[in-house]
Amino acid sequence: MSVPLRYTTLEKSRKMQEEKKMKMKKGWLAVTVGLEDEEGGLQRFVIPISYLYHPLFKRLLEKAQEVYGYHSTGPLRLPCSVDDFLHLRWRIERESNSHHHHSHSSSFSFHSC
């Protein structure tokens, strides 16, 4: 019994979409953000690798290591609410645009962590 061509093409299209999601542009990193009890659940973000060197983001990475350990499959999971992550991302972008990577770096706390 053969599979209809339309079904095969649809499956290929879905597979290609999944593979595209898995591929990442050079210099970017996928992260998953959100808390178990948070409305909307986990959300995926793609961030520049340069974030890894920012003092605020380093604090979040340390927290992720404490909560989840070093080994994980898939995107890097960050233990904070989506709102906190969006605020962190805004702070990093604002500081990088004004070239003040280290100013006020200790004034941010992750309320949901």
PDB file of N, CA and C in Angstrom:
ATOM      1  N   MET A   1       0.845  -1.185   0.000  1.00  0.00           N
ATOM      2  CA  MET A   1       0.000   0.000   0.000  1.00  0.00           C
ATOM      3  C   MET A   1       0.885   1.240   0.000  1.00  0.00           C
ATOM      4  N   SER A   2       0.695   2.106  -0.944  1.00  0.00           N
ATOM      5  CA  SER A   2       1.550   3.290  -1.037  1.00  0.00           C
ATOM      6  C   SER A   2       0.935   4.464  -0.282  1.00  0.00           C
ATOM      7  N   VAL A   3       1.806   5.356   0.162  1.00  0.00           N
ATOM      8  CA  VAL A   3       1.386   6.558   0.876  1.00  0.00           C
ATOM      9  C   VAL A   3       1.097   7.641  -0.157  1.00  0.00           C
ATOM     10  N   PRO A   4      -0.031   8.336  -0.022  1.00  0.00           N
ATOM     11  CA  PRO A   4      -0.330   9.403  -0.983  1.00  0.00           C
ATOM     12  C   PRO A   4       0.791  10.441  -1.019  1.00  0.00           C
ATOM     13  N   LEU A   5       1.067  10.955  -2.201  1.00  0.00           N
ATOM     14  CA  LEU A   5       2.126  11.941  -2.392  1.00  0.00           C
ATOM     15  C   LEU A   5       1.892  13.181  -1.531  1.00  0.00           C
ATOM     16  N   ARG A   6       0.659  13.615  -1.433  1.00  0.00           N
ATOM     17  CA  ARG A   6       0.336  14.807  -0.652  1.00  0.00           C
ATOM     18  C   ARG A   6       0.758  14.629   0.805  1.00  0.00           C
ATOM     19  N   TYR A   7       0.518  13.461   1.387  1.00  0.00           N
ATOM     20  CA  TYR A   7       0.885  13.173   2.771  1.00  0.00           C
ATOM     21  C   TYR A   7       2.400  13.200   2.933  1.00  0.00           C
ATOM     22  N   THR A   8       3.117  12.588   2.005  1.00  0.00           N
ATOM     23  CA  THR A   8       4.580  12.553   2.061  1.00  0.00           C
ATOM     24  C   THR A   8       5.146  13.969   1.999  1.00  0.00           C
ATOM     25  N   THR A   9       4.621  14.801   1.128  1.00  0.00           N
ATOM     26  CA  THR A   9       5.084  16.180   0.998  1.00  0.00           C
ATOM     27  C   THR A   9       4.806  16.964   2.271  1.00  0.00           C
ATOM     28  N   LEU A  10       3.651  16.750   2.879  1.00  0.00           N
ATOM     29  CA  LEU A  10       3.302  17.426   4.123  1.00  0.00           C
ATOM     30  C   LEU A  10       4.259  17.025   5.237  1.00  0.00           C
ATOM     31  N   GLU A  11       4.571  15.744   5.318  1.00  0.00           N
ATOM     32  CA  GLU A  11       5.513  15.269   6.333  1.00  0.00           C
ATOM     33  C   GLU A  11       6.899  15.864   6.113  1.00  0.00           C
ATOM     34  N   LYS A  12       7.339  15.934   4.864  1.00  0.00           N
ATOM     35  CA  LYS A  12       8.642  16.534   4.558  1.00  0.00           C
ATOM     36  C   LYS A  12       8.656  18.002   4.963  1.00  0.00           C
ATOM     37  N   SER A  13       7.567  18.694   4.700  1.00  0.00           N
ATOM     38  CA  SER A  13       7.468  20.106   5.053  1.00  0.00           C
ATOM     39  C   SER A  13       7.567  20.293   6.566  1.00  0.00           C
ATOM     40  N   ARG A  14       6.869  19.465   7.320  1.00  0.00           N
ATOM     41  CA  ARG A  14       6.934  19.538   8.784  1.00  0.00           C
ATOM     42  C   ARG A  14       8.342  19.231   9.283  1.00  0.00           C
ATOM     43  N   LYS A  15       8.961  18.225   8.690  1.00  0.00           N
ATOM     44  CA  LYS A  15      10.318  17.852   9.097  1.00  0.00           C
ATOM     45  C   LYS A  15      11.290  18.993   8.804  1.00  0.00           C
ATOM     46  N   MET A  16      11.142  19.636   7.652  1.00  0.00           N
ATOM     47  CA  MET A  16      12.015  20.755   7.307  1.00  0.00           C
ATOM     48  C   MET A  16      11.814  21.924   8.268  1.00  0.00           C
ATOM     49  N   GLN A  17      10.569  22.171   8.683  1.00  0.00           N
ATOM     50  CA  GLN A  17      10.302  23.240   9.642  1.00  0.00           C
ATOM     51  C   GLN A  17      10.961  22.941  10.982  1.00  0.00           C
ATOM     52  N   GLU A  18      10.892  21.699  11.425  1.00  0.00           N
ATOM     53  CA  GLU A  18      11.527  21.308  12.684  1.00  0.00           C
ATOM     54  C   GLU A  18      13.042  21.446  12.598  1.00  0.00           C
ATOM     55  N   GLU A  19      13.626  21.019  11.478  1.00  0.00           N
ATOM     56  CA  GLU A  19      15.072  21.136  11.299  1.00  0.00           C
ATOM     57  C   GLU A  19      15.494  22.600  11.275  1.00  0.00           C
ATOM     58  N   LYS A  20      14.671  23.451  10.672  1.00  0.00           N
ATOM     59  CA  LYS A  20      14.974  24.874  10.621  1.00  0.00           C
ATOM     60  C   LYS A  20      14.983  25.469  12.028  1.00  0.00           C
ATOM     61  N   LYS A  21      14.055  25.027  12.868  1.00  0.00           N
ATOM     62  CA  LYS A  21      14.015  25.500  14.251  1.00  0.00           C
ATOM     63  C   LYS A  21      15.271  25.089  15.006  1.00  0.00           C
ATOM     64  N   MET A  22      15.793  23.905  14.686  1.00  0.00           N
ATOM     65  CA  MET A  22      16.955  23.383  15.385  1.00  0.00           C
ATOM     66  C   MET A  22      18.240  24.099  14.960  1.00  0.00           C
ATOM     67  N   LYS A  23      18.297  24.573  13.724  1.00  0.00           N
ATOM     68  CA  LYS A  23      19.491  25.257  13.237  1.00  0.00           C
ATOM     69  C   LYS A  23      19.534  26.661  13.830  1.00  0.00           C
ATOM     70  N   MET A  24      20.721  27.081  14.158  1.00  0.00           N
ATOM     71  CA  MET A  24      20.886  28.382  14.772  1.00  0.00           C
ATOM     72  C   MET A  24      21.915  29.165  13.972  1.00  0.00           C
ATOM     73  N   LYS A  25      21.638  30.440  13.768  1.00  0.00           N
ATOM     74  CA  LYS A  25      22.614  31.280  13.092  1.00  0.00           C
ATOM     75  C   LYS A  25      23.863  31.372  13.945  1.00  0.00           C
ATOM     76  N   LYS A  26      24.998  31.450  13.290  1.00  0.00           N
ATOM     77  CA  LYS A  26      26.266  31.571  13.993  1.00  0.00           C
ATOM     78  C   LYS A  26      26.241  32.825  14.868  1.00  0.00           C
ATOM     79  N   GLY A  27      26.658  32.661  16.119  1.00  0.00           N
ATOM     80  CA  GLY A  27      26.700  33.787  17.043  1.00  0.00           C
ATOM     81  C   GLY A  27      25.436  33.967  17.864  1.00  0.00           C
ATOM     82  N   TRP A  28      24.502  33.021  17.757  1.00  0.00           N
ATOM     83  CA  TRP A  28      23.233  33.102  18.482  1.00  0.00           C
ATOM     84  C   TRP A  28      23.011  31.827  19.288  1.00  0.00           C
ATOM     85  N   LEU A  29      22.182  31.916  20.322  1.00  0.00           N
ATOM     86  CA  LEU A  29      21.935  30.813  21.238  1.00  0.00           C
ATOM     87  C   LEU A  29      20.452  30.763  21.588  1.00  0.00           C
ATOM     88  N   ALA A  30      19.876  29.561  21.586  1.00  0.00           N
ATOM     89  CA  ALA A  30      18.474  29.398  21.984  1.00  0.00           C
ATOM     90  C   ALA A  30      18.400  29.173  23.487  1.00  0.00           C
ATOM     91  N   VAL A  31      17.472  29.865  24.139  1.00  0.00           N
ATOM     92  CA  VAL A  31      17.229  29.682  25.567  1.00  0.00           C
ATOM     93  C   VAL A  31      15.737  29.482  25.782  1.00  0.00           C
ATOM     94  N   THR A  32      15.408  28.751  26.841  1.00  0.00           N
ATOM     95  CA  THR A  32      14.023  28.557  27.233  1.00  0.00           C
ATOM     96  C   THR A  32      13.837  29.248  28.569  1.00  0.00           C
ATOM     97  N   VAL A  33      12.793  30.052  28.669  1.00  0.00           N
ATOM     98  CA  VAL A  33      12.558  30.872  29.846  1.00  0.00           C
ATOM     99  C   VAL A  33      11.129  30.666  30.317  1.00  0.00           C
ATOM    100  N   GLY A  34      10.932  30.700  31.616  1.00  0.00           N
ATOM    101  CA  GLY A  34       9.596  30.612  32.186  1.00  0.00           C
ATOM    102  C   GLY A  34       9.590  29.729  33.406  1.00  0.00           C
ATOM    103  N   LEU A  35       8.590  29.917  34.221  1.00  0.00           N
ATOM    104  CA  LEU A  35       8.435  29.135  35.436  1.00  0.00           C
ATOM    105  C   LEU A  35       7.282  28.167  35.256  1.00  0.00           C
ATOM    106  N   GLU A  36       7.353  27.056  35.961  1.00  0.00           N
ATOM    107  CA  GLU A  36       6.334  26.003  35.831  1.00  0.00           C
ATOM    108  C   GLU A  36       4.921  26.550  36.044  1.00  0.00           C
ATOM    109  N   ASP A  37       4.745  27.402  37.054  1.00  0.00           N
ATOM    110  CA  ASP A  37       3.411  27.895  37.389  1.00  0.00           C
ATOM    111  C   ASP A  37       3.046  29.195  36.670  1.00  0.00           C
ATOM    112  N   GLU A  38       3.889  29.632  35.757  1.00  0.00           N
ATOM    113  CA  GLU A  38       3.669  30.886  35.051  1.00  0.00           C
ATOM    114  C   GLU A  38       2.679  30.691  33.907  1.00  0.00           C
ATOM    115  N   GLU A  39       1.762  31.629  33.771  1.00  0.00           N
ATOM    116  CA  GLU A  39       0.809  31.567  32.671  1.00  0.00           C
ATOM    117  C   GLU A  39       1.568  31.679  31.356  1.00  0.00           C
ATOM    118  N   GLY A  40       1.250  30.843  30.408  1.00  0.00           N
ATOM    119  CA  GLY A  40       1.950  30.837  29.134  1.00  0.00           C
ATOM    120  C   GLY A  40       3.086  29.835  29.087  1.00  0.00           C
ATOM    121  N   GLY A  41       3.467  29.298  30.255  1.00  0.00           N
ATOM    122  CA  GLY A  41       4.498  28.269  30.302  1.00  0.00           C
ATOM    123  C   GLY A  41       5.855  28.756  29.845  1.00  0.00           C
ATOM    124  N   LEU A  42       6.617  27.826  29.295  1.00  0.00           N
ATOM    125  CA  LEU A  42       7.969  28.126  28.846  1.00  0.00           C
ATOM    126  C   LEU A  42       7.938  28.782  27.470  1.00  0.00           C
ATOM    127  N   GLN A  43       8.837  29.736  27.267  1.00  0.00           N
ATOM    128  CA  GLN A  43       8.956  30.391  25.972  1.00  0.00           C
ATOM    129  C   GLN A  43      10.399  30.304  25.503  1.00  0.00           C
ATOM    130  N   ARG A  44      10.559  30.177  24.209  1.00  0.00           N
ATOM    131  CA  ARG A  44      11.891  30.061  23.603  1.00  0.00           C
ATOM    132  C   ARG A  44      12.298  31.418  23.043  1.00  0.00           C
ATOM    133  N   PHE A  45      13.548  31.794  23.313  1.00  0.00           N
ATOM    134  CA  PHE A  45      14.121  33.024  22.792  1.00  0.00           C
ATOM    135  C   PHE A  45      15.451  32.688  22.135  1.00  0.00           C
ATOM    136  N   VAL A  46      15.842  33.477  21.169  1.00  0.00           N
ATOM    137  CA  VAL A  46      17.155  33.351  20.545  1.00  0.00           C
ATOM    138  C   VAL A  46      17.894  34.644  20.858  1.00  0.00           C
ATOM    139  N   ILE A  47      19.057  34.488  21.489  1.00  0.00           N
ATOM    140  CA  ILE A  47      19.816  35.648  21.953  1.00  0.00           C
ATOM    141  C   ILE A  47      21.228  35.624  21.372  1.00  0.00           C
ATOM    142  N   PRO A  48      21.859  36.784  21.272  1.00  0.00           N
ATOM    143  CA  PRO A  48      23.251  36.799  20.815  1.00  0.00           C
ATOM    144  C   PRO A  48      24.173  36.179  21.866  1.00  0.00           C
ATOM    145  N   ILE A  49      25.185  35.484  21.421  1.00  0.00           N
ATOM    146  CA  ILE A  49      26.132  34.853  22.340  1.00  0.00           C
ATOM    147  C   ILE A  49      26.823  35.896  23.211  1.00  0.00           C
ATOM    148  N   SER A  50      26.915  37.117  22.751  1.00  0.00           N
ATOM    149  CA  SER A  50      27.560  38.174  23.536  1.00  0.00           C
ATOM    150  C   SER A  50      26.900  38.352  24.901  1.00  0.00           C
ATOM    151  N   TYR A  51      25.626  37.982  25.035  1.00  0.00           N
ATOM    152  CA  TYR A  51      24.947  38.063  26.335  1.00  0.00           C
ATOM    153  C   TYR A  51      25.672  37.235  27.391  1.00  0.00           C
ATOM    154  N   LEU A  52      26.294  36.136  26.971  1.00  0.00           N
ATOM    155  CA  LEU A  52      26.951  35.238  27.921  1.00  0.00           C
ATOM    156  C   LEU A  52      28.050  35.931  28.711  1.00  0.00           C
ATOM    157  N   TYR A  53      28.570  37.022  28.198  1.00  0.00           N
ATOM    158  CA  TYR A  53      29.666  37.735  28.849  1.00  0.00           C
ATOM    159  C   TYR A  53      29.192  38.901  29.714  1.00  0.00           C
ATOM    160  N   HIS A  54      27.922  39.202  29.671  1.00  0.00           N
ATOM    161  CA  HIS A  54      27.395  40.327  30.443  1.00  0.00           C
ATOM    162  C   HIS A  54      27.229  39.912  31.904  1.00  0.00           C
ATOM    163  N   PRO A  55      27.635  40.760  32.858  1.00  0.00           N
ATOM    164  CA  PRO A  55      27.546  40.404  34.286  1.00  0.00           C
ATOM    165  C   PRO A  55      26.144  40.000  34.744  1.00  0.00           C
ATOM    166  N   LEU A  56      25.108  40.663  34.256  1.00  0.00           N
ATOM    167  CA  LEU A  56      23.745  40.299  34.659  1.00  0.00           C
ATOM    168  C   LEU A  56      23.378  38.911  34.155  1.00  0.00           C
ATOM    169  N   PHE A  57      23.746  38.621  32.920  1.00  0.00           N
ATOM    170  CA  PHE A  57      23.418  37.318  32.354  1.00  0.00           C
ATOM    171  C   PHE A  57      24.238  36.217  33.011  1.00  0.00           C
ATOM    172  N   LYS A  58      25.480  36.532  33.374  1.00  0.00           N
ATOM    173  CA  LYS A  58      26.314  35.553  34.077  1.00  0.00           C
ATOM    174  C   LYS A  58      25.666  35.135  35.391  1.00  0.00           C
ATOM    175  N   ARG A  59      25.045  36.077  36.089  1.00  0.00           N
ATOM    176  CA  ARG A  59      24.344  35.741  37.339  1.00  0.00           C
ATOM    177  C   ARG A  59      23.198  34.770  37.068  1.00  0.00           C
ATOM    178  N   LEU A  60      22.485  34.991  35.985  1.00  0.00           N
ATOM    179  CA  LEU A  60      21.385  34.097  35.626  1.00  0.00           C
ATOM    180  C   LEU A  60      21.911  32.714  35.242  1.00  0.00           C
ATOM    181  N   LEU A  61      23.041  32.658  34.561  1.00  0.00           N
ATOM    182  CA  LEU A  61      23.650  31.368  34.219  1.00  0.00           C
ATOM    183  C   LEU A  61      24.073  30.605  35.472  1.00  0.00           C
ATOM    184  N   GLU A  62      24.612  31.307  36.449  1.00  0.00           N
ATOM    185  CA  GLU A  62      24.987  30.662  37.711  1.00  0.00           C
ATOM    186  C   GLU A  62      23.756  30.089  38.402  1.00  0.00           C
ATOM    187  N   LYS A  63      22.663  30.841  38.373  1.00  0.00           N
ATOM    188  CA  LYS A  63      21.408  30.369  38.966  1.00  0.00           C
ATOM    189  C   LYS A  63      20.898  29.133  38.214  1.00  0.00           C
ATOM    190  N   ALA A  64      21.012  29.137  36.891  1.00  0.00           N
ATOM    191  CA  ALA A  64      20.582  27.992  36.084  1.00  0.00           C
ATOM    192  C   ALA A  64      21.391  26.756  36.443  1.00  0.00           C
ATOM    193  N   GLN A  65      22.682  26.932  36.668  1.00  0.00           N
ATOM    194  CA  GLN A  65      23.533  25.802  37.045  1.00  0.00           C
ATOM    195  C   GLN A  65      23.113  25.246  38.402  1.00  0.00           C
ATOM    196  N   GLU A  66      22.783  26.127  39.348  1.00  0.00           N
ATOM    197  CA  GLU A  66      22.329  25.682  40.671  1.00  0.00           C
ATOM    198  C   GLU A  66      21.021  24.903  40.577  1.00  0.00           C
ATOM    199  N   VAL A  67      20.113  25.386  39.760  1.00  0.00           N
ATOM    200  CA  VAL A  67      18.775  24.796  39.668  1.00  0.00           C
ATOM    201  C   VAL A  67      18.751  23.542  38.800  1.00  0.00           C
ATOM    202  N   TYR A  68      19.389  23.588  37.628  1.00  0.00           N
ATOM    203  CA  TYR A  68      19.270  22.506  36.652  1.00  0.00           C
ATOM    204  C   TYR A  68      20.534  21.671  36.465  1.00  0.00           C
ATOM    205  N   GLY A  69      21.666  22.136  36.956  1.00  0.00           N
ATOM    206  CA  GLY A  69      22.922  21.431  36.718  1.00  0.00           C
ATOM    207  C   GLY A  69      23.498  21.827  35.370  1.00  0.00           C
ATOM    208  N   TYR A  70      24.593  21.184  34.998  1.00  0.00           N
ATOM    209  CA  TYR A  70      25.275  21.536  33.752  1.00  0.00           C
ATOM    210  C   TYR A  70      24.713  20.827  32.536  1.00  0.00           C
ATOM    211  N   HIS A  71      24.224  19.615  32.693  1.00  0.00           N
ATOM    212  CA  HIS A  71      23.821  18.808  31.544  1.00  0.00           C
ATOM    213  C   HIS A  71      22.337  18.974  31.258  1.00  0.00           C
ATOM    214  N   SER A  72      22.041  19.388  30.048  1.00  0.00           N
ATOM    215  CA  SER A  72      20.654  19.470  29.617  1.00  0.00           C
ATOM    216  C   SER A  72      20.609  19.234  28.116  1.00  0.00           C
ATOM    217  N   THR A  73      19.471  18.803  27.646  1.00  0.00           N
ATOM    218  CA  THR A  73      19.300  18.621  26.213  1.00  0.00           C
ATOM    219  C   THR A  73      18.450  19.767  25.690  1.00  0.00           C
ATOM    220  N   GLY A  74      18.691  20.153  24.477  1.00  0.00           N
ATOM    221  CA  GLY A  74      17.913  21.227  23.887  1.00  0.00           C
ATOM    222  C   GLY A  74      18.418  22.596  24.290  1.00  0.00           C
ATOM    223  N   PRO A  75      17.541  23.597  24.178  1.00  0.00           N
ATOM    224  CA  PRO A  75      17.945  24.964  24.508  1.00  0.00           C
ATOM    225  C   PRO A  75      18.338  25.097  25.980  1.00  0.00           C
ATOM    226  N   LEU A  76      19.180  26.059  26.263  1.00  0.00           N
ATOM    227  CA  LEU A  76      19.585  26.363  27.628  1.00  0.00           C
ATOM    228  C   LEU A  76      18.364  26.861  28.389  1.00  0.00           C
ATOM    229  N   ARG A  77      18.068  26.238  29.519  1.00  0.00           N
ATOM    230  CA  ARG A  77      16.896  26.633  30.304  1.00  0.00           C
ATOM    231  C   ARG A  77      17.316  27.605  31.395  1.00  0.00           C
ATOM    232  N   LEU A  78      16.604  28.722  31.481  1.00  0.00           N
ATOM    233  CA  LEU A  78      16.917  29.758  32.454  1.00  0.00           C
ATOM    234  C   LEU A  78      15.804  29.852  33.490  1.00  0.00           C
ATOM    235  N   PRO A  79      16.166  29.854  34.779  1.00  0.00           N
ATOM    236  CA  PRO A  79      15.170  29.824  35.851  1.00  0.00           C
ATOM    237  C   PRO A  79      14.679  31.215  36.250  1.00  0.00           C
ATOM    238  N   CYS A  80      13.894  31.826  35.406  1.00  0.00           N
ATOM    239  CA  CYS A  80      13.285  33.107  35.750  1.00  0.00           C
ATOM    240  C   CYS A  80      12.003  33.254  34.945  1.00  0.00           C
ATOM    241  N   SER A  81      11.183  34.195  35.359  1.00  0.00           N
ATOM    242  CA  SER A  81       9.938  34.425  34.636  1.00  0.00           C
ATOM    243  C   SER A  81      10.238  35.068  33.287  1.00  0.00           C
ATOM    244  N   VAL A  82       9.301  34.970  32.391  1.00  0.00           N
ATOM    245  CA  VAL A  82       9.449  35.599  31.079  1.00  0.00           C
ATOM    246  C   VAL A  82       9.587  37.110  31.256  1.00  0.00           C
ATOM    247  N   ASP A  83       8.797  37.693  32.155  1.00  0.00           N
ATOM    248  CA  ASP A  83       8.886  39.138  32.396  1.00  0.00           C
ATOM    249  C   ASP A  83      10.271  39.549  32.875  1.00  0.00           C
ATOM    250  N   ASP A  84      10.838  38.783  33.825  1.00  0.00           N
ATOM    251  CA  ASP A  84      12.190  39.092  34.304  1.00  0.00           C
ATOM    252  C   ASP A  84      13.207  38.970  33.179  1.00  0.00           C
ATOM    253  N   PHE A  85      13.064  37.951  32.344  1.00  0.00           N
ATOM    254  CA  PHE A  85      13.998  37.769  31.234  1.00  0.00           C
ATOM    255  C   PHE A  85      13.893  38.928  30.245  1.00  0.00           C
ATOM    256  N   LEU A  86      12.675  39.341  29.927  1.00  0.00           N
ATOM    257  CA  LEU A  86      12.495  40.458  29.003  1.00  0.00           C
ATOM    258  C   LEU A  86      13.108  41.734  29.570  1.00  0.00           C
ATOM    259  N   HIS A  87      12.973  41.930  30.880  1.00  0.00           N
ATOM    260  CA  HIS A  87      13.585  43.093  31.521  1.00  0.00           C
ATOM    261  C   HIS A  87      15.112  43.000  31.456  1.00  0.00           C
ATOM    262  N   LEU A  88      15.638  41.818  31.718  1.00  0.00           N
ATOM    263  CA  LEU A  88      17.083  41.603  31.645  1.00  0.00           C
ATOM    264  C   LEU A  88      17.592  41.887  30.232  1.00  0.00           C
ATOM    265  N   ARG A  89      16.894  41.373  29.252  1.00  0.00           N
ATOM    266  CA  ARG A  89      17.284  41.590  27.859  1.00  0.00           C
ATOM    267  C   ARG A  89      17.263  43.076  27.514  1.00  0.00           C
ATOM    268  N   TRP A  90      16.247  43.780  27.990  1.00  0.00           N
ATOM    269  CA  TRP A  90      16.151  45.224  27.775  1.00  0.00           C
ATOM    270  C   TRP A  90      17.339  45.943  28.409  1.00  0.00           C
ATOM    271  N   ARG A  91      17.683  45.553  29.637  1.00  0.00           N
ATOM    272  CA  ARG A  91      18.822  46.174  30.337  1.00  0.00           C
ATOM    273  C   ARG A  91      20.124  45.939  29.577  1.00  0.00           C
ATOM    274  N   ILE A  92      20.336  44.712  29.141  1.00  0.00           N
ATOM    275  CA  ILE A  92      21.571  44.396  28.416  1.00  0.00           C
ATOM    276  C   ILE A  92      21.644  45.198  27.122  1.00  0.00           C
ATOM    277  N   GLU A  93      20.552  45.249  26.388  1.00  0.00           N
ATOM    278  CA  GLU A  93      20.528  46.005  25.130  1.00  0.00           C
ATOM    279  C   GLU A  93      20.759  47.491  25.383  1.00  0.00           C
ATOM    280  N   ARG A  94      20.120  48.031  26.396  1.00  0.00           N
ATOM    281  CA  ARG A  94      20.278  49.447  26.723  1.00  0.00           C
ATOM    282  C   ARG A  94      21.732  49.749  27.081  1.00  0.00           C
ATOM    283  N   GLU A  95      22.331  48.890  27.911  1.00  0.00           N
ATOM    284  CA  GLU A  95      23.718  49.108  28.315  1.00  0.00           C
ATOM    285  C   GLU A  95      24.677  48.938  27.145  1.00  0.00           C
ATOM    286  N   SER A  96      24.416  47.969  26.283  1.00  0.00           N
ATOM    287  CA  SER A  96      25.328  47.772  25.151  1.00  0.00           C
ATOM    288  C   SER A  96      25.205  48.918  24.152  1.00  0.00           C
ATOM    289  N   ASN A  97      24.015  49.480  24.037  1.00  0.00           N
ATOM    290  CA  ASN A  97      23.838  50.625  23.141  1.00  0.00           C
ATOM    291  C   ASN A  97      24.526  51.870  23.670  1.00  0.00           C
ATOM    292  N   SER A  98      24.629  51.989  24.994  1.00  0.00           N
ATOM    293  CA  SER A  98      25.289  53.160  25.569  1.00  0.00           C
ATOM    294  C   SER A  98      26.728  52.855  25.971  1.00  0.00           C
ATOM    295  N   HIS A  99      27.188  51.621  25.681  1.00  0.00           N
ATOM    296  CA  HIS A  99      28.569  51.200  25.952  1.00  0.00           C
ATOM    297  C   HIS A  99      28.934  51.250  27.428  1.00  0.00           C
ATOM    298  N   HIS A 100      28.012  50.879  28.299  1.00  0.00           N
ATOM    299  CA  HIS A 100      28.267  50.833  29.737  1.00  0.00           C
ATOM    300  C   HIS A 100      28.004  49.434  30.261  1.00  0.00           C
ATOM    301  N   HIS A 101      28.706  48.441  29.810  1.00  0.00           N
ATOM    302  CA  HIS A 101      28.437  47.058  30.201  1.00  0.00           C
ATOM    303  C   HIS A 101      28.476  46.829  31.701  1.00  0.00           C
ATOM    304  N   HIS A 102      29.244  47.588  32.440  1.00  0.00           N
ATOM    305  CA  HIS A 102      29.398  47.292  33.855  1.00  0.00           C
ATOM    306  C   HIS A 102      28.631  48.250  34.761  1.00  0.00           C
ATOM    307  N   SER A 103      28.002  49.250  34.217  1.00  0.00           N
ATOM    308  CA  SER A 103      27.307  50.189  35.080  1.00  0.00           C
ATOM    309  C   SER A 103      26.029  49.576  35.623  1.00  0.00           C
ATOM    310  N   HIS A 104      25.812  49.735  36.899  1.00  0.00           N
ATOM    311  CA  HIS A 104      24.612  49.271  37.591  1.00  0.00           C
ATOM    312  C   HIS A 104      24.388  47.773  37.476  1.00  0.00           C
ATOM    313  N   SER A 105      25.420  46.991  37.275  1.00  0.00           N
ATOM    314  CA  SER A 105      25.252  45.561  37.033  1.00  0.00           C
ATOM    315  C   SER A 105      24.743  44.804  38.247  1.00  0.00           C
ATOM    316  N   SER A 106      24.901  45.336  39.434  1.00  0.00           N
ATOM    317  CA  SER A 106      24.459  44.606  40.620  1.00  0.00           C
ATOM    318  C   SER A 106      23.067  45.007  41.071  1.00  0.00           C
ATOM    319  N   SER A 107      22.408  45.912  40.350  1.00  0.00           N
ATOM    320  CA  SER A 107      21.126  46.419  40.812  1.00  0.00           C
ATOM    321  C   SER A 107      19.927  45.616  40.324  1.00  0.00           C
ATOM    322  N   PHE A 108      20.133  44.566  39.589  1.00  0.00           N
ATOM    323  CA  PHE A 108      19.027  43.768  39.068  1.00  0.00           C
ATOM    324  C   PHE A 108      18.922  42.470  39.835  1.00  0.00           C
ATOM    325  N   SER A 109      17.717  42.138  40.240  1.00  0.00           N
ATOM    326  CA  SER A 109      17.526  40.846  40.900  1.00  0.00           C
ATOM    327  C   SER A 109      16.392  40.112  40.209  1.00  0.00           C
ATOM    328  N   PHE A 110      16.471  38.794  40.233  1.00  0.00           N
ATOM    329  CA  PHE A 110      15.448  37.968  39.615  1.00  0.00           C
ATOM    330  C   PHE A 110      14.416  37.634  40.677  1.00  0.00           C
ATOM    331  N   HIS A 111      13.323  38.355  40.681  1.00  0.00           N
ATOM    332  CA  HIS A 111      12.305  38.181  41.711  1.00  0.00           C
ATOM    333  C   HIS A 111      11.693  36.791  41.694  1.00  0.00           C
ATOM    334  N   SER A 112      11.680  36.171  40.538  1.00  0.00           N
ATOM    335  CA  SER A 112      11.006  34.879  40.426  1.00  0.00           C
ATOM    336  C   SER A 112      11.936  33.704  40.648  1.00  0.00           C
ATOM    337  N   CYS A 113      13.194  33.950  40.930  1.00  0.00           N
ATOM    338  CA  CYS A 113      14.149  32.856  41.078  1.00  0.00           C
ATOM    339  C   CYS A 113      14.357  32.504  42.541  1.00  0.00           C
TER     340      CYS A 113
END
